[in-house]
């Protein structure tokens, strides 16, 4: 093979890797399947936590009256 052939093979390999990377990215569902009614039976509350870099995270908070520490 000459230089042009190696260049074209390299370009094709790079494009294939880029395409595969975009196809394999994980995009979670906004409202995934799950037992959302269980929150009430556990006595948990919906809370939103904002991290130091500004990302909002959804969580369930279940207060524990006898807990020794909460951070």
N, C-alpha and C. Protein backbone atom coordinates (compact mmCIF):
# COMPACT_ATOMS: atom_id res chain seq x y z
N UNK A 1 0.84 -1.19 0.00
CA UNK A 1 0.00 0.00 0.00
C UNK A 1 0.88 1.25 0.00
N UNK A 2 0.37 2.25 -0.57
CA UNK A 2 1.10 3.50 -0.58
C UNK A 2 0.58 4.41 0.53
N UNK A 3 1.11 5.61 0.61
CA UNK A 3 0.73 6.55 1.66
C UNK A 3 -0.76 6.90 1.61
N UNK A 4 -1.30 7.03 0.41
CA UNK A 4 -2.72 7.36 0.27
C UNK A 4 -3.59 6.23 0.81
N UNK A 5 -3.21 5.00 0.55
CA UNK A 5 -3.96 3.85 1.04
C UNK A 5 -3.96 3.79 2.56
N UNK A 6 -2.79 4.01 3.18
CA UNK A 6 -2.72 4.03 4.65
C UNK A 6 -3.55 5.17 5.23
N UNK A 7 -3.49 6.32 4.58
CA UNK A 7 -4.27 7.47 5.05
C UNK A 7 -5.77 7.19 4.98
N UNK A 8 -6.21 6.59 3.89
CA UNK A 8 -7.64 6.28 3.75
C UNK A 8 -8.08 5.22 4.75
N UNK A 9 -7.24 4.22 5.00
CA UNK A 9 -7.57 3.20 6.01
C UNK A 9 -7.64 3.83 7.41
N UNK A 10 -6.71 4.72 7.70
CA UNK A 10 -6.72 5.41 8.99
C UNK A 10 -7.95 6.27 9.16
N UNK A 11 -8.31 6.99 8.12
CA UNK A 11 -9.50 7.84 8.16
C UNK A 11 -10.76 6.99 8.34
N UNK A 12 -10.85 5.90 7.61
CA UNK A 12 -12.01 5.00 7.73
C UNK A 12 -12.10 4.43 9.14
N UNK A 13 -10.96 4.04 9.72
CA UNK A 13 -10.96 3.50 11.08
C UNK A 13 -11.39 4.56 12.09
N UNK A 14 -10.90 5.79 11.93
CA UNK A 14 -11.27 6.87 12.83
C UNK A 14 -12.76 7.18 12.74
N UNK A 15 -13.30 7.22 11.54
CA UNK A 15 -14.73 7.48 11.37
C UNK A 15 -15.58 6.36 11.97
N UNK A 16 -15.13 5.13 11.81
CA UNK A 16 -15.84 4.00 12.39
C UNK A 16 -15.84 4.09 13.92
N UNK A 17 -14.72 4.44 14.51
CA UNK A 17 -14.64 4.57 15.97
C UNK A 17 -15.52 5.72 16.48
N UNK A 18 -15.55 6.81 15.77
CA UNK A 18 -16.41 7.94 16.15
C UNK A 18 -17.87 7.52 16.08
N UNK A 19 -18.24 6.83 15.00
CA UNK A 19 -19.62 6.37 14.85
C UNK A 19 -19.99 5.41 15.97
N UNK A 20 -19.12 4.47 16.29
CA UNK A 20 -19.39 3.51 17.36
C UNK A 20 -19.49 4.19 18.72
N UNK A 21 -18.66 5.19 18.96
CA UNK A 21 -18.71 5.92 20.24
C UNK A 21 -20.04 6.64 20.40
N UNK A 22 -20.54 7.23 19.34
CA UNK A 22 -21.83 7.93 19.41
C UNK A 22 -22.99 6.96 19.57
N UNK A 23 -22.87 5.77 19.01
CA UNK A 23 -23.93 4.77 19.11
C UNK A 23 -23.96 4.11 20.48
N UNK A 24 -22.86 4.09 21.19
CA UNK A 24 -22.79 3.38 22.45
C UNK A 24 -22.94 4.29 23.67
N UNK A 25 -23.22 5.56 23.46
CA UNK A 25 -23.42 6.47 24.59
C UNK A 25 -24.69 6.10 25.33
N UNK A 26 -24.68 6.28 26.64
CA UNK A 26 -25.82 5.94 27.48
C UNK A 26 -26.67 7.17 27.74
N UNK A 27 -27.93 7.12 27.35
CA UNK A 27 -28.86 8.20 27.59
C UNK A 27 -30.01 7.65 28.43
N UNK A 28 -29.98 7.84 29.75
CA UNK A 28 -31.03 7.27 30.60
C UNK A 28 -32.38 7.91 30.32
N UNK A 29 -33.43 7.14 30.56
CA UNK A 29 -34.79 7.67 30.38
C UNK A 29 -35.07 8.72 31.45
N UNK A 30 -35.87 9.70 31.12
CA UNK A 30 -36.19 10.74 32.09
C UNK A 30 -36.97 10.16 33.27
N UNK A 31 -37.90 9.31 33.02
CA UNK A 31 -38.69 8.67 34.08
C UNK A 31 -38.60 7.16 33.89
N UNK A 32 -37.56 6.53 34.44
CA UNK A 32 -37.39 5.09 34.22
C UNK A 32 -38.49 4.28 34.89
N UNK A 33 -38.66 3.06 34.37
CA UNK A 33 -39.61 2.15 35.00
C UNK A 33 -39.15 1.83 36.41
N UNK A 34 -40.09 1.68 37.29
CA UNK A 34 -39.73 1.34 38.66
C UNK A 34 -40.96 1.39 39.56
N UNK A 35 -40.75 1.07 40.79
CA UNK A 35 -41.83 1.06 41.76
C UNK A 35 -41.89 2.42 42.47
N UNK A 36 -42.42 3.41 41.76
CA UNK A 36 -42.43 4.77 42.29
C UNK A 36 -43.44 4.93 43.42
N UNK A 37 -44.46 4.08 43.49
CA UNK A 37 -45.44 4.17 44.57
C UNK A 37 -44.84 3.74 45.90
N UNK A 38 -43.73 3.04 45.86
CA UNK A 38 -43.11 2.55 47.09
C UNK A 38 -42.60 3.69 47.96
N UNK A 39 -42.30 4.83 47.38
CA UNK A 39 -41.80 5.98 48.14
C UNK A 39 -42.72 6.31 49.29
N UNK A 40 -44.02 6.34 49.02
CA UNK A 40 -44.98 6.69 50.06
C UNK A 40 -45.03 5.64 51.16
N UNK A 41 -44.98 4.37 50.78
CA UNK A 41 -45.04 3.31 51.79
C UNK A 41 -43.79 3.30 52.67
N UNK A 42 -42.67 3.80 52.15
CA UNK A 42 -41.44 3.87 52.94
C UNK A 42 -41.38 5.12 53.82
N UNK A 43 -42.27 6.07 53.55
CA UNK A 43 -42.23 7.33 54.29
C UNK A 43 -41.13 8.25 53.81
N UNK A 44 -40.74 8.10 52.55
CA UNK A 44 -39.66 8.92 52.00
C UNK A 44 -40.23 10.17 51.34
N UNK A 45 -39.38 11.19 51.24
CA UNK A 45 -39.76 12.46 50.61
C UNK A 45 -38.91 12.65 49.35
N UNK A 46 -39.49 13.28 48.33
CA UNK A 46 -38.72 13.66 47.14
C UNK A 46 -37.86 14.86 47.49
N UNK A 47 -36.59 14.80 47.18
CA UNK A 47 -35.70 15.95 47.37
C UNK A 47 -34.84 16.12 46.13
N UNK A 48 -34.43 17.35 45.90
CA UNK A 48 -33.51 17.67 44.81
C UNK A 48 -32.26 18.25 45.44
N UNK A 49 -31.11 17.70 45.07
CA UNK A 49 -29.82 18.13 45.62
C UNK A 49 -29.04 18.77 44.48
N UNK A 50 -28.51 19.97 44.73
CA UNK A 50 -27.67 20.63 43.74
C UNK A 50 -26.22 20.46 44.16
N UNK A 51 -25.42 19.85 43.30
CA UNK A 51 -24.02 19.61 43.61
C UNK A 51 -23.21 20.88 43.46
N UNK A 52 -21.95 20.83 43.89
CA UNK A 52 -21.10 22.02 43.83
C UNK A 52 -20.84 22.48 42.40
N UNK A 53 -20.96 21.57 41.42
CA UNK A 53 -20.76 21.98 40.03
C UNK A 53 -22.07 22.30 39.31
N UNK A 54 -23.18 22.40 40.06
CA UNK A 54 -24.44 22.86 39.51
C UNK A 54 -25.36 21.78 38.96
N UNK A 55 -25.02 20.51 39.14
CA UNK A 55 -25.86 19.42 38.64
C UNK A 55 -26.95 19.12 39.66
N UNK A 56 -28.20 19.02 39.19
CA UNK A 56 -29.31 18.69 40.09
C UNK A 56 -29.54 17.19 40.09
N UNK A 57 -29.62 16.62 41.30
CA UNK A 57 -29.81 15.18 41.47
C UNK A 57 -31.10 14.96 42.24
N UNK A 58 -31.92 14.02 41.75
CA UNK A 58 -33.16 13.68 42.45
C UNK A 58 -32.89 12.51 43.39
N UNK A 59 -33.48 12.58 44.58
CA UNK A 59 -33.28 11.50 45.55
C UNK A 59 -34.52 11.37 46.42
N UNK A 60 -34.56 10.29 47.15
CA UNK A 60 -35.58 10.11 48.18
C UNK A 60 -34.89 10.29 49.53
N UNK A 61 -35.52 11.04 50.39
CA UNK A 61 -35.00 11.27 51.74
C UNK A 61 -35.93 10.57 52.71
N UNK A 62 -35.35 9.71 53.50
CA UNK A 62 -36.12 8.99 54.51
C UNK A 62 -35.53 9.34 55.87
N UNK A 63 -36.17 10.28 56.59
CA UNK A 63 -35.63 10.71 57.88
C UNK A 63 -35.56 9.56 58.88
N UNK A 64 -34.50 9.54 59.65
CA UNK A 64 -34.30 8.56 60.70
C UNK A 64 -34.20 9.30 62.03
N UNK A 65 -35.20 9.21 62.88
CA UNK A 65 -35.19 9.97 64.13
C UNK A 65 -33.99 9.66 65.03
N UNK A 66 -33.49 8.46 64.99
CA UNK A 66 -32.39 8.10 65.89
C UNK A 66 -31.03 8.10 65.19
N UNK A 67 -30.93 8.76 64.05
CA UNK A 67 -29.66 8.81 63.34
C UNK A 67 -28.65 9.64 64.12
N UNK A 68 -27.39 9.21 64.09
CA UNK A 68 -26.34 9.93 64.83
C UNK A 68 -25.75 11.10 64.04
N UNK A 69 -25.76 10.98 62.71
CA UNK A 69 -25.14 12.03 61.91
C UNK A 69 -25.81 12.12 60.54
N UNK A 70 -25.89 13.32 60.04
CA UNK A 70 -26.39 13.56 58.69
C UNK A 70 -25.45 14.59 58.08
N UNK A 71 -24.98 14.30 56.85
CA UNK A 71 -24.09 15.26 56.21
C UNK A 71 -24.77 15.88 55.02
